[in-house]
Amino acid sequence: MRVSVAYCPGPDRQTVIGLELDEGATVAQAIEASQLLIVHPEIGPDKLAIGVFGERVTPATVLRDGDRVEIYRPLKADPKTARRRRAAGRKTKR
């Protein structure tokens, strides 16, 4: 079956690796086969946040043909805190 593994190390960069795996392969096997953890050591296996087409999954999730495994970067700021800062900045400009 064909799957892909995607990782965006920054806002303007994206790495997508296409793979041919055996039926019943898991997310962990796809990530290992992609070698993205070697190319991008900053995403170490203990920090993995992963999903398939935007839905969070575990490394043991069995993949289906055509799935895209996504490795997510950690957020730089809490979304709620960032929104409050932007709102406060707009209030002071008025």
PDB file of N, CA and C in Angstrom:
ATOM      1  N   MET A   1       0.842  -1.173   0.000  1.00  0.00           N
ATOM      2  CA  MET A   1       0.000   0.000   0.000  1.00  0.00           C
ATOM      3  C   MET A   1       0.888   1.236   0.000  1.00  0.00           C
ATOM      4  N   ARG A   2       0.368   2.310  -0.552  1.00  0.00           N
ATOM      5  CA  ARG A   2       1.105   3.563  -0.634  1.00  0.00           C
ATOM      6  C   ARG A   2       0.621   4.510   0.458  1.00  0.00           C
ATOM      7  N   VAL A   3       1.575   5.076   1.190  1.00  0.00           N
ATOM      8  CA  VAL A   3       1.278   6.091   2.202  1.00  0.00           C
ATOM      9  C   VAL A   3       2.347   7.176   2.089  1.00  0.00           C
ATOM     10  N   SER A   4       2.106   8.297   2.732  1.00  0.00           N
ATOM     11  CA  SER A   4       3.122   9.342   2.782  1.00  0.00           C
ATOM     12  C   SER A   4       3.282   9.810   4.220  1.00  0.00           C
ATOM     13  N   VAL A   5       4.468  10.323   4.514  1.00  0.00           N
ATOM     14  CA  VAL A   5       4.771  10.874   5.834  1.00  0.00           C
ATOM     15  C   VAL A   5       5.197  12.320   5.605  1.00  0.00           C
ATOM     16  N   ALA A   6       4.535  13.243   6.306  1.00  0.00           N
ATOM     17  CA  ALA A   6       4.789  14.672   6.109  1.00  0.00           C
ATOM     18  C   ALA A   6       5.253  15.327   7.399  1.00  0.00           C
ATOM     19  N   TYR A   7       6.196  16.261   7.241  1.00  0.00           N
ATOM     20  CA  TYR A   7       6.679  17.061   8.373  1.00  0.00           C
ATOM     21  C   TYR A   7       7.040  18.440   7.848  1.00  0.00           C
ATOM     22  N   CYS A   8       6.630  19.468   8.568  1.00  0.00           N
ATOM     23  CA  CYS A   8       6.951  20.852   8.204  1.00  0.00           C
ATOM     24  C   CYS A   8       7.872  21.432   9.273  1.00  0.00           C
ATOM     25  N   PRO A   9       9.173  21.481   9.014  1.00  0.00           N
ATOM     26  CA  PRO A   9      10.092  22.000  10.018  1.00  0.00           C
ATOM     27  C   PRO A   9       9.968  23.504  10.239  1.00  0.00           C
ATOM     28  N   GLY A  10       9.320  24.200   9.334  1.00  0.00           N
ATOM     29  CA  GLY A  10       9.118  25.639   9.460  1.00  0.00           C
ATOM     30  C   GLY A  10       7.959  26.071   8.594  1.00  0.00           C
ATOM     31  N   PRO A  11       7.549  27.326   8.707  1.00  0.00           N
ATOM     32  CA  PRO A  11       6.370  27.778   7.973  1.00  0.00           C
ATOM     33  C   PRO A  11       6.518  27.723   6.454  1.00  0.00           C
ATOM     34  N   ASP A  12       7.737  27.797   5.944  1.00  0.00           N
ATOM     35  CA  ASP A  12       7.939  27.808   4.498  1.00  0.00           C
ATOM     36  C   ASP A  12       8.613  26.550   3.967  1.00  0.00           C
ATOM     37  N   ARG A  13       8.736  25.528   4.808  1.00  0.00           N
ATOM     38  CA  ARG A  13       9.407  24.293   4.385  1.00  0.00           C
ATOM     39  C   ARG A  13       8.530  23.096   4.706  1.00  0.00           C
ATOM     40  N   GLN A  14       8.533  22.141   3.791  1.00  0.00           N
ATOM     41  CA  GLN A  14       7.740  20.933   3.997  1.00  0.00           C
ATOM     42  C   GLN A  14       8.501  19.745   3.429  1.00  0.00           C
ATOM     43  N   THR A  15       8.489  18.645   4.155  1.00  0.00           N
ATOM     44  CA  THR A  15       9.087  17.402   3.687  1.00  0.00           C
ATOM     45  C   THR A  15       7.989  16.352   3.632  1.00  0.00           C
ATOM     46  N   VAL A  16       7.794  15.756   2.457  1.00  0.00           N
ATOM     47  CA  VAL A  16       6.809  14.686   2.295  1.00  0.00           C
ATOM     48  C   VAL A  16       7.524  13.507   1.646  1.00  0.00           C
ATOM     49  N   ILE A  17       7.466  12.358   2.313  1.00  0.00           N
ATOM     50  CA  ILE A  17       8.116  11.142   1.826  1.00  0.00           C
ATOM     51  C   ILE A  17       7.035  10.139   1.443  1.00  0.00           C
ATOM     52  N   GLY A  18       7.038   9.700   0.193  1.00  0.00           N
ATOM     53  CA  GLY A  18       6.120   8.658  -0.255  1.00  0.00           C
ATOM     54  C   GLY A  18       6.723   7.289   0.014  1.00  0.00           C
ATOM     55  N   LEU A  19       5.903   6.377   0.505  1.00  0.00           N
ATOM     56  CA  LEU A  19       6.387   5.042   0.861  1.00  0.00           C
ATOM     57  C   LEU A  19       5.475   3.957   0.311  1.00  0.00           C
ATOM     58  N   GLU A  20       6.049   2.806   0.088  1.00  0.00           N
ATOM     59  CA  GLU A  20       5.297   1.599  -0.255  1.00  0.00           C
ATOM     60  C   GLU A  20       5.498   0.642   0.918  1.00  0.00           C
ATOM     61  N   LEU A  21       4.418   0.357   1.655  1.00  0.00           N
ATOM     62  CA  LEU A  21       4.496  -0.497   2.844  1.00  0.00           C
ATOM     63  C   LEU A  21       3.577  -1.701   2.695  1.00  0.00           C
ATOM     64  N   ASP A  22       3.827  -2.709   3.516  1.00  0.00           N
ATOM     65  CA  ASP A  22       2.965  -3.888   3.531  1.00  0.00           C
ATOM     66  C   ASP A  22       1.625  -3.544   4.162  1.00  0.00           C
ATOM     67  N   GLU A  23       0.579  -4.241   3.748  1.00  0.00           N
ATOM     68  CA  GLU A  23      -0.738  -4.073   4.374  1.00  0.00           C
ATOM     69  C   GLU A  23      -0.605  -4.335   5.863  1.00  0.00           C
ATOM     70  N   GLY A  24      -1.306  -3.563   6.666  1.00  0.00           N
ATOM     71  CA  GLY A  24      -1.254  -3.735   8.112  1.00  0.00           C
ATOM     72  C   GLY A  24      -0.139  -2.956   8.786  1.00  0.00           C
ATOM     73  N   ALA A  25       0.612  -2.165   8.011  1.00  0.00           N
ATOM     74  CA  ALA A  25       1.695  -1.366   8.599  1.00  0.00           C
ATOM     75  C   ALA A  25       1.116  -0.301   9.528  1.00  0.00           C
ATOM     76  N   THR A  26       1.884   0.046  10.545  1.00  0.00           N
ATOM     77  CA  THR A  26       1.436   1.026  11.533  1.00  0.00           C
ATOM     78  C   THR A  26       2.073   2.396  11.269  1.00  0.00           C
ATOM     79  N   VAL A  27       1.561   3.383  11.980  1.00  0.00           N
ATOM     80  CA  VAL A  27       2.118   4.733  11.900  1.00  0.00           C
ATOM     81  C   VAL A  27       3.596   4.709  12.290  1.00  0.00           C
ATOM     82  N   ALA A  28       3.941   4.001  13.358  1.00  0.00           N
ATOM     83  CA  ALA A  28       5.336   3.922  13.807  1.00  0.00           C
ATOM     84  C   ALA A  28       6.234   3.331  12.721  1.00  0.00           C
ATOM     85  N   GLN A  29       5.760   2.302  12.035  1.00  0.00           N
ATOM     86  CA  GLN A  29       6.553   1.690  10.971  1.00  0.00           C
ATOM     87  C   GLN A  29       6.745   2.657   9.804  1.00  0.00           C
ATOM     88  N   ALA A  30       5.717   3.425   9.485  1.00  0.00           N
ATOM     89  CA  ALA A  30       5.824   4.401   8.398  1.00  0.00           C
ATOM     90  C   ALA A  30       6.832   5.489   8.746  1.00  0.00           C
ATOM     91  N   ILE A  31       6.781   5.978   9.980  1.00  0.00           N
ATOM     92  CA  ILE A  31       7.723   7.023  10.399  1.00  0.00           C
ATOM     93  C   ILE A  31       9.154   6.488  10.372  1.00  0.00           C
ATOM     94  N   GLU A  32       9.342   5.271  10.845  1.00  0.00           N
ATOM     95  CA  GLU A  32      10.679   4.672  10.821  1.00  0.00           C
ATOM     96  C   GLU A  32      11.172   4.504   9.385  1.00  0.00           C
ATOM     97  N   ALA A  33      10.312   4.015   8.497  1.00  0.00           N
ATOM     98  CA  ALA A  33      10.702   3.802   7.101  1.00  0.00           C
ATOM     99  C   ALA A  33      11.015   5.119   6.388  1.00  0.00           C
ATOM    100  N   SER A  34      10.374   6.201   6.794  1.00  0.00           N
ATOM    101  CA  SER A  34      10.606   7.503   6.156  1.00  0.00           C
ATOM    102  C   SER A  34      11.967   8.090   6.514  1.00  0.00           C
ATOM    103  N   GLN A  35      12.545   7.666   7.626  1.00  0.00           N
ATOM    104  CA  GLN A  35      13.820   8.154   8.155  1.00  0.00           C
ATOM    105  C   GLN A  35      13.788   9.644   8.498  1.00  0.00           C
ATOM    106  N   LEU A  36      12.597  10.211   8.681  1.00  0.00           N
ATOM    107  CA  LEU A  36      12.489  11.626   9.032  1.00  0.00           C
ATOM    108  C   LEU A  36      13.087  11.933  10.400  1.00  0.00           C
ATOM    109  N   LEU A  37      13.061  10.969  11.316  1.00  0.00           N
ATOM    110  CA  LEU A  37      13.644  11.208  12.637  1.00  0.00           C
ATOM    111  C   LEU A  37      15.165  11.305  12.572  1.00  0.00           C
ATOM    112  N   ILE A  38      15.760  10.735  11.527  1.00  0.00           N
ATOM    113  CA  ILE A  38      17.207  10.846  11.325  1.00  0.00           C
ATOM    114  C   ILE A  38      17.534  12.185  10.671  1.00  0.00           C
ATOM    115  N   VAL A  39      16.753  12.553   9.665  1.00  0.00           N
ATOM    116  CA  VAL A  39      16.974  13.801   8.935  1.00  0.00           C
ATOM    117  C   VAL A  39      16.655  15.022   9.804  1.00  0.00           C
ATOM    118  N   HIS A  40      15.640  14.893  10.653  1.00  0.00           N
ATOM    119  CA  HIS A  40      15.207  15.990  11.528  1.00  0.00           C
ATOM    120  C   HIS A  40      15.277  15.534  12.990  1.00  0.00           C
ATOM    121  N   PRO A  41      16.474  15.477  13.578  1.00  0.00           N
ATOM    122  CA  PRO A  41      16.600  14.974  14.954  1.00  0.00           C
ATOM    123  C   PRO A  41      15.882  15.837  15.990  1.00  0.00           C
ATOM    124  N   GLU A  42      15.530  17.061  15.636  1.00  0.00           N
ATOM    125  CA  GLU A  42      14.828  17.935  16.585  1.00  0.00           C
ATOM    126  C   GLU A  42      13.436  17.428  16.944  1.00  0.00           C
ATOM    127  N   ILE A  43      12.898  16.491  16.172  1.00  0.00           N
ATOM    128  CA  ILE A  43      11.552  15.983  16.469  1.00  0.00           C
ATOM    129  C   ILE A  43      11.596  14.679  17.246  1.00  0.00           C
ATOM    130  N   GLY A  44      12.693  14.370  17.892  1.00  0.00           N
ATOM    131  CA  GLY A  44      12.884  13.129  18.640  1.00  0.00           C
ATOM    132  C   GLY A  44      11.639  12.313  18.942  1.00  0.00           C
ATOM    133  N   PRO A  45      11.766  11.005  19.006  1.00  0.00           N
ATOM    134  CA  PRO A  45      10.616  10.110  19.166  1.00  0.00           C
ATOM    135  C   PRO A  45       9.817  10.348  20.443  1.00  0.00           C
ATOM    136  N   ASP A  46      10.442  10.924  21.464  1.00  0.00           N
ATOM    137  CA  ASP A  46       9.708  11.175  22.710  1.00  0.00           C
ATOM    138  C   ASP A  46       8.800  12.397  22.605  1.00  0.00           C
ATOM    139  N   LYS A  47       8.974  13.210  21.575  1.00  0.00           N
ATOM    140  CA  LYS A  47       8.189  14.440  21.413  1.00  0.00           C
ATOM    141  C   LYS A  47       7.142  14.333  20.307  1.00  0.00           C
ATOM    142  N   LEU A  48       6.960  13.159  19.754  1.00  0.00           N
ATOM    143  CA  LEU A  48       6.092  13.034  18.586  1.00  0.00           C
ATOM    144  C   LEU A  48       4.625  13.333  18.880  1.00  0.00           C
ATOM    145  N   ALA A  49       4.089  14.248  18.113  1.00  0.00           N
ATOM    146  CA  ALA A  49       2.648  14.463  18.041  1.00  0.00           C
ATOM    147  C   ALA A  49       2.312  14.107  16.597  1.00  0.00           C
ATOM    148  N   ILE A  50       1.472  13.105  16.413  1.00  0.00           N
ATOM    149  CA  ILE A  50       1.232  12.590  15.065  1.00  0.00           C
ATOM    150  C   ILE A  50      -0.250  12.494  14.764  1.00  0.00           C
ATOM    151  N   GLY A  51      -0.549  12.516  13.473  1.00  0.00           N
ATOM    152  CA  GLY A  51      -1.931  12.381  13.039  1.00  0.00           C
ATOM    153  C   GLY A  51      -1.986  11.801  11.641  1.00  0.00           C
ATOM    154  N   VAL A  52      -3.194  11.455  11.227  1.00  0.00           N
ATOM    155  CA  VAL A  52      -3.456  11.021   9.860  1.00  0.00           C
ATOM    156  C   VAL A  52      -4.568  11.917   9.341  1.00  0.00           C
ATOM    157  N   PHE A  53      -4.258  12.688   8.309  1.00  0.00           N
ATOM    158  CA  PHE A  53      -5.208  13.656   7.739  1.00  0.00           C
ATOM    159  C   PHE A  53      -5.824  14.552   8.811  1.00  0.00           C
ATOM    160  N   GLY A  54      -4.992  15.057   9.732  1.00  0.00           N
ATOM    161  CA  GLY A  54      -5.444  16.017  10.732  1.00  0.00           C
ATOM    162  C   GLY A  54      -6.085  15.441  11.973  1.00  0.00           C
ATOM    163  N   GLU A  55      -6.241  14.146  12.054  1.00  0.00           N
ATOM    164  CA  GLU A  55      -6.813  13.489  13.236  1.00  0.00           C
ATOM    165  C   GLU A  55      -5.685  12.856  14.039  1.00  0.00           C
ATOM    166  N   ARG A  56      -5.582  13.197  15.322  1.00  0.00           N
ATOM    167  CA  ARG A  56      -4.523  12.641  16.169  1.00  0.00           C
ATOM    168  C   ARG A  56      -4.659  11.122  16.258  1.00  0.00           C
ATOM    169  N   VAL A  57      -3.518  10.432  16.184  1.00  0.00           N
ATOM    170  CA  VAL A  57      -3.481   8.969  16.263  1.00  0.00           C
ATOM    171  C   VAL A  57      -2.302   8.552  17.137  1.00  0.00           C
ATOM    172  N   THR A  58      -2.259   7.273  17.463  1.00  0.00           N
ATOM    173  CA  THR A  58      -1.138   6.714  18.219  1.00  0.00           C
ATOM    174  C   THR A  58      -0.174   6.032  17.249  1.00  0.00           C
ATOM    175  N   PRO A  59       1.056   5.777  17.676  1.00  0.00           N
ATOM    176  CA  PRO A  59       2.002   5.076  16.807  1.00  0.00           C
ATOM    177  C   PRO A  59       1.526   3.681  16.394  1.00  0.00           C
ATOM    178  N   ALA A  60       0.641   3.071  17.170  1.00  0.00           N
ATOM    179  CA  ALA A  60       0.161   1.719  16.865  1.00  0.00           C
ATOM    180  C   ALA A  60      -1.001   1.703  15.871  1.00  0.00           C
ATOM    181  N   THR A  61      -1.472   2.866  15.433  1.00  0.00           N
ATOM    182  CA  THR A  61      -2.594   2.933  14.494  1.00  0.00           C
ATOM    183  C   THR A  61      -2.214   2.261  13.182  1.00  0.00           C
ATOM    184  N   VAL A  62      -3.086   1.387  12.693  1.00  0.00           N
ATOM    185  CA  VAL A  62      -2.858   0.692  11.425  1.00  0.00           C
ATOM    186  C   VAL A  62      -3.269   1.623  10.285  1.00  0.00           C
ATOM    187  N   LEU A  63      -2.404   1.714   9.289  1.00  0.00           N
ATOM    188  CA  LEU A  63      -2.641   2.601   8.156  1.00  0.00           C
ATOM    189  C   LEU A  63      -3.434   1.921   7.055  1.00  0.00           C
ATOM    190  N   ARG A  64      -4.062   2.757   6.234  1.00  0.00           N
ATOM    191  CA  ARG A  64      -4.766   2.281   5.041  1.00  0.00           C
ATOM    192  C   ARG A  64      -4.104   2.883   3.806  1.00  0.00           C
ATOM    193  N   ASP A  65      -4.332   2.269   2.677  1.00  0.00           N
ATOM    194  CA  ASP A  65      -3.765   2.755   1.424  1.00  0.00           C
ATOM    195  C   ASP A  65      -4.152   4.218   1.211  1.00  0.00           C
ATOM    196  N   GLY A  66      -3.162   5.047   0.887  1.00  0.00           N
ATOM    197  CA  GLY A  66      -3.411   6.458   0.610  1.00  0.00           C
ATOM    198  C   GLY A  66      -3.333   7.380   1.814  1.00  0.00           C
ATOM    199  N   ASP A  67      -3.133   6.840   3.021  1.00  0.00           N
ATOM    200  CA  ASP A  67      -3.059   7.682   4.223  1.00  0.00           C
ATOM    201  C   ASP A  67      -1.835   8.597   4.181  1.00  0.00           C
ATOM    202  N   ARG A  68      -1.983   9.760   4.825  1.00  0.00           N
ATOM    203  CA  ARG A  68      -0.867  10.692   4.995  1.00  0.00           C
ATOM    204  C   ARG A  68      -0.612  10.840   6.489  1.00  0.00           C
ATOM    205  N   VAL A  69       0.533  10.361   6.940  1.00  0.00           N
ATOM    206  CA  VAL A  69       0.936  10.501   8.340  1.00  0.00           C
ATOM    207  C   VAL A  69       1.563  11.885   8.485  1.00  0.00           C
ATOM    208  N   GLU A  70       1.111  12.630   9.489  1.00  0.00           N
ATOM    209  CA  GLU A  70       1.611  13.984   9.710  1.00  0.00           C
ATOM    210  C   GLU A  70       2.321  14.045  11.063  1.00  0.00           C
ATOM    211  N   ILE A  71       3.520  14.571  11.063  1.00  0.00           N
ATOM    212  CA  ILE A  71       4.271  14.782  12.301  1.00  0.00           C
ATOM    213  C   ILE A  71       4.156  16.266  12.616  1.00  0.00           C
ATOM    214  N   TYR A  72       3.586  16.579  13.771  1.00  0.00           N
ATOM    215  CA  TYR A  72       3.304  17.968  14.126  1.00  0.00           C
ATOM    216  C   TYR A  72       4.424  18.574  14.954  1.00  0.00           C
ATOM    217  N   ARG A  73       4.718  19.840  14.683  1.00  0.00           N
ATOM    218  CA  ARG A  73       5.678  20.606  15.481  1.00  0.00           C
ATOM    219  C   ARG A  73       4.995  21.075  16.754  1.00  0.00           C
ATOM    220  N   PRO A  74       5.755  21.263  17.826  1.00  0.00           N
ATOM    221  CA  PRO A  74       5.146  21.835  19.030  1.00  0.00           C
ATOM    222  C   PRO A  74       4.778  23.296  18.774  1.00  0.00           C
ATOM    223  N   LEU A  75       3.726  23.758  19.425  1.00  0.00           N
ATOM    224  CA  LEU A  75       3.319  25.151  19.285  1.00  0.00           C
ATOM    225  C   LEU A  75       4.340  26.056  19.958  1.00  0.00           C
ATOM    226  N   LYS A  76       4.612  27.210  19.348  1.00  0.00           N
ATOM    227  CA  LYS A  76       5.547  28.164  19.948  1.00  0.00           C
ATOM    228  C   LYS A  76       4.883  28.941  21.068  1.00  0.00           C
ATOM    229  N   ALA A  77       3.563  29.099  20.979  1.00  0.00           N
ATOM    230  CA  ALA A  77       2.821  29.831  22.012  1.00  0.00           C
ATOM    231  C   ALA A  77       1.444  29.207  22.154  1.00  0.00           C
ATOM    232  N   ASP A  78       0.904  29.293  23.347  1.00  0.00           N
ATOM    233  CA  ASP A  78      -0.453  28.821  23.578  1.00  0.00           C
ATOM    234  C   ASP A  78      -1.410  29.675  22.740  1.00  0.00           C
ATOM    235  N   PRO A  79      -2.286  29.086  21.928  1.00  0.00           N
ATOM    236  CA  PRO A  79      -3.174  29.866  21.065  1.00  0.00           C
ATOM    237  C   PRO A  79      -4.032  30.879  21.827  1.00  0.00           C
ATOM    238  N   LYS A  80      -4.513  30.499  22.986  1.00  0.00           N
ATOM    239  CA  LYS A  80      -5.358  31.414  23.759  1.00  0.00           C
ATOM    240  C   LYS A  80      -4.554  32.625  24.235  1.00  0.00           C
ATOM    241  N   THR A  81      -3.345  32.388  24.711  1.00  0.00           N
ATOM    242  CA  THR A  81      -2.485  33.477  25.169  1.00  0.00           C
ATOM    243  C   THR A  81      -2.112  34.397  24.008  1.00  0.00           C
ATOM    244  N   ALA A  82      -1.782  33.821  22.864  1.00  0.00           N
ATOM    245  CA  ALA A  82      -1.424  34.623  21.692  1.00  0.00           C
ATOM    246  C   ALA A  82      -2.600  35.491  21.249  1.00  0.00           C
ATOM    247  N   ARG A  83      -3.797  34.951  21.267  1.00  0.00           N
ATOM    248  CA  ARG A  83      -4.993  35.702  20.877  1.00  0.00           C
ATOM    249  C   ARG A  83      -5.218  36.871  21.837  1.00  0.00           C
ATOM    250  N   ARG A  84      -5.030  36.636  23.123  1.00  0.00           N
ATOM    251  CA  ARG A  84      -5.194  37.714  24.109  1.00  0.00           C
ATOM    252  C   ARG A  84      -4.171  38.827  23.891  1.00  0.00           C
ATOM    253  N   ARG A  85      -2.943  38.455  23.571  1.00  0.00           N
ATOM    254  CA  ARG A  85      -1.908  39.470  23.310  1.00  0.00           C
ATOM    255  C   ARG A  85      -2.264  40.312  22.086  1.00  0.00           C
ATOM    256  N   ARG A  86      -2.738  39.659  21.025  1.00  0.00           N
ATOM    257  CA  ARG A  86      -3.131  40.408  19.828  1.00  0.00           C
ATOM    258  C   ARG A  86      -4.282  41.350  20.136  1.00  0.00           C
ATOM    259  N   ALA A  87      -5.263  40.880  20.890  1.00  0.00           N
ATOM    260  CA  ALA A  87      -6.411  41.715  21.246  1.00  0.00           C
ATOM    261  C   ALA A  87      -5.970  42.898  22.102  1.00  0.00           C
ATOM    262  N   ALA A  88      -5.074  42.676  23.038  1.00  0.00           N
ATOM    263  CA  ALA A  88      -4.577  43.763  23.886  1.00  0.00           C
ATOM    264  C   ALA A  88      -3.816  44.783  23.050  1.00  0.00           C
ATOM    265  N   GLY A  89      -3.074  44.333  22.070  1.00  0.00           N
ATOM    266  CA  GLY A  89      -2.334  45.237  21.186  1.00  0.00           C
ATOM    267  C   GLY A  89      -3.255  46.112  20.361  1.00  0.00           C
ATOM    268  N   ARG A  90      -4.383  45.561  19.932  1.00  0.00           N
ATOM    269  CA  ARG A  90      -5.351  46.342  19.152  1.00  0.00           C
ATOM    270  C   ARG A  90      -6.016  47.400  20.021  1.00  0.00           C
ATOM    271  N   LYS A  91      -6.262  47.087  21.280  1.00  0.00           N
ATOM    272  CA  LYS A  91      -6.910  48.049  22.181  1.00  0.00           C
ATOM    273  C   LYS A  91      -6.018  49.261  22.425  1.00  0.00           C
ATOM    274  N   THR A  92      -4.716  49.048  22.542  1.00  0.00           N
ATOM    275  CA  THR A  92      -3.809  50.166  22.820  1.00  0.00           C
ATOM    276  C   THR A  92      -3.608  51.050  21.599  1.00  0.00           C
ATOM    277  N   LYS A  93      -3.865  50.540  20.402  1.00  0.00           N
ATOM    278  CA  LYS A  93      -3.692  51.324  19.175  1.00  0.00           C
ATOM    279  C   LYS A  93      -4.867  52.262  18.922  1.00  0.00           C
ATOM    280  N   ARG A  94      -5.974  52.051  19.600  1.00  0.00           N
ATOM    281  CA  ARG A  94      -7.170  52.874  19.351  1.00  0.00           C
ATOM    282  C   ARG A  94      -7.090  54.206  19.979  1.00  0.00           C
TER     283      ARG A  94
END
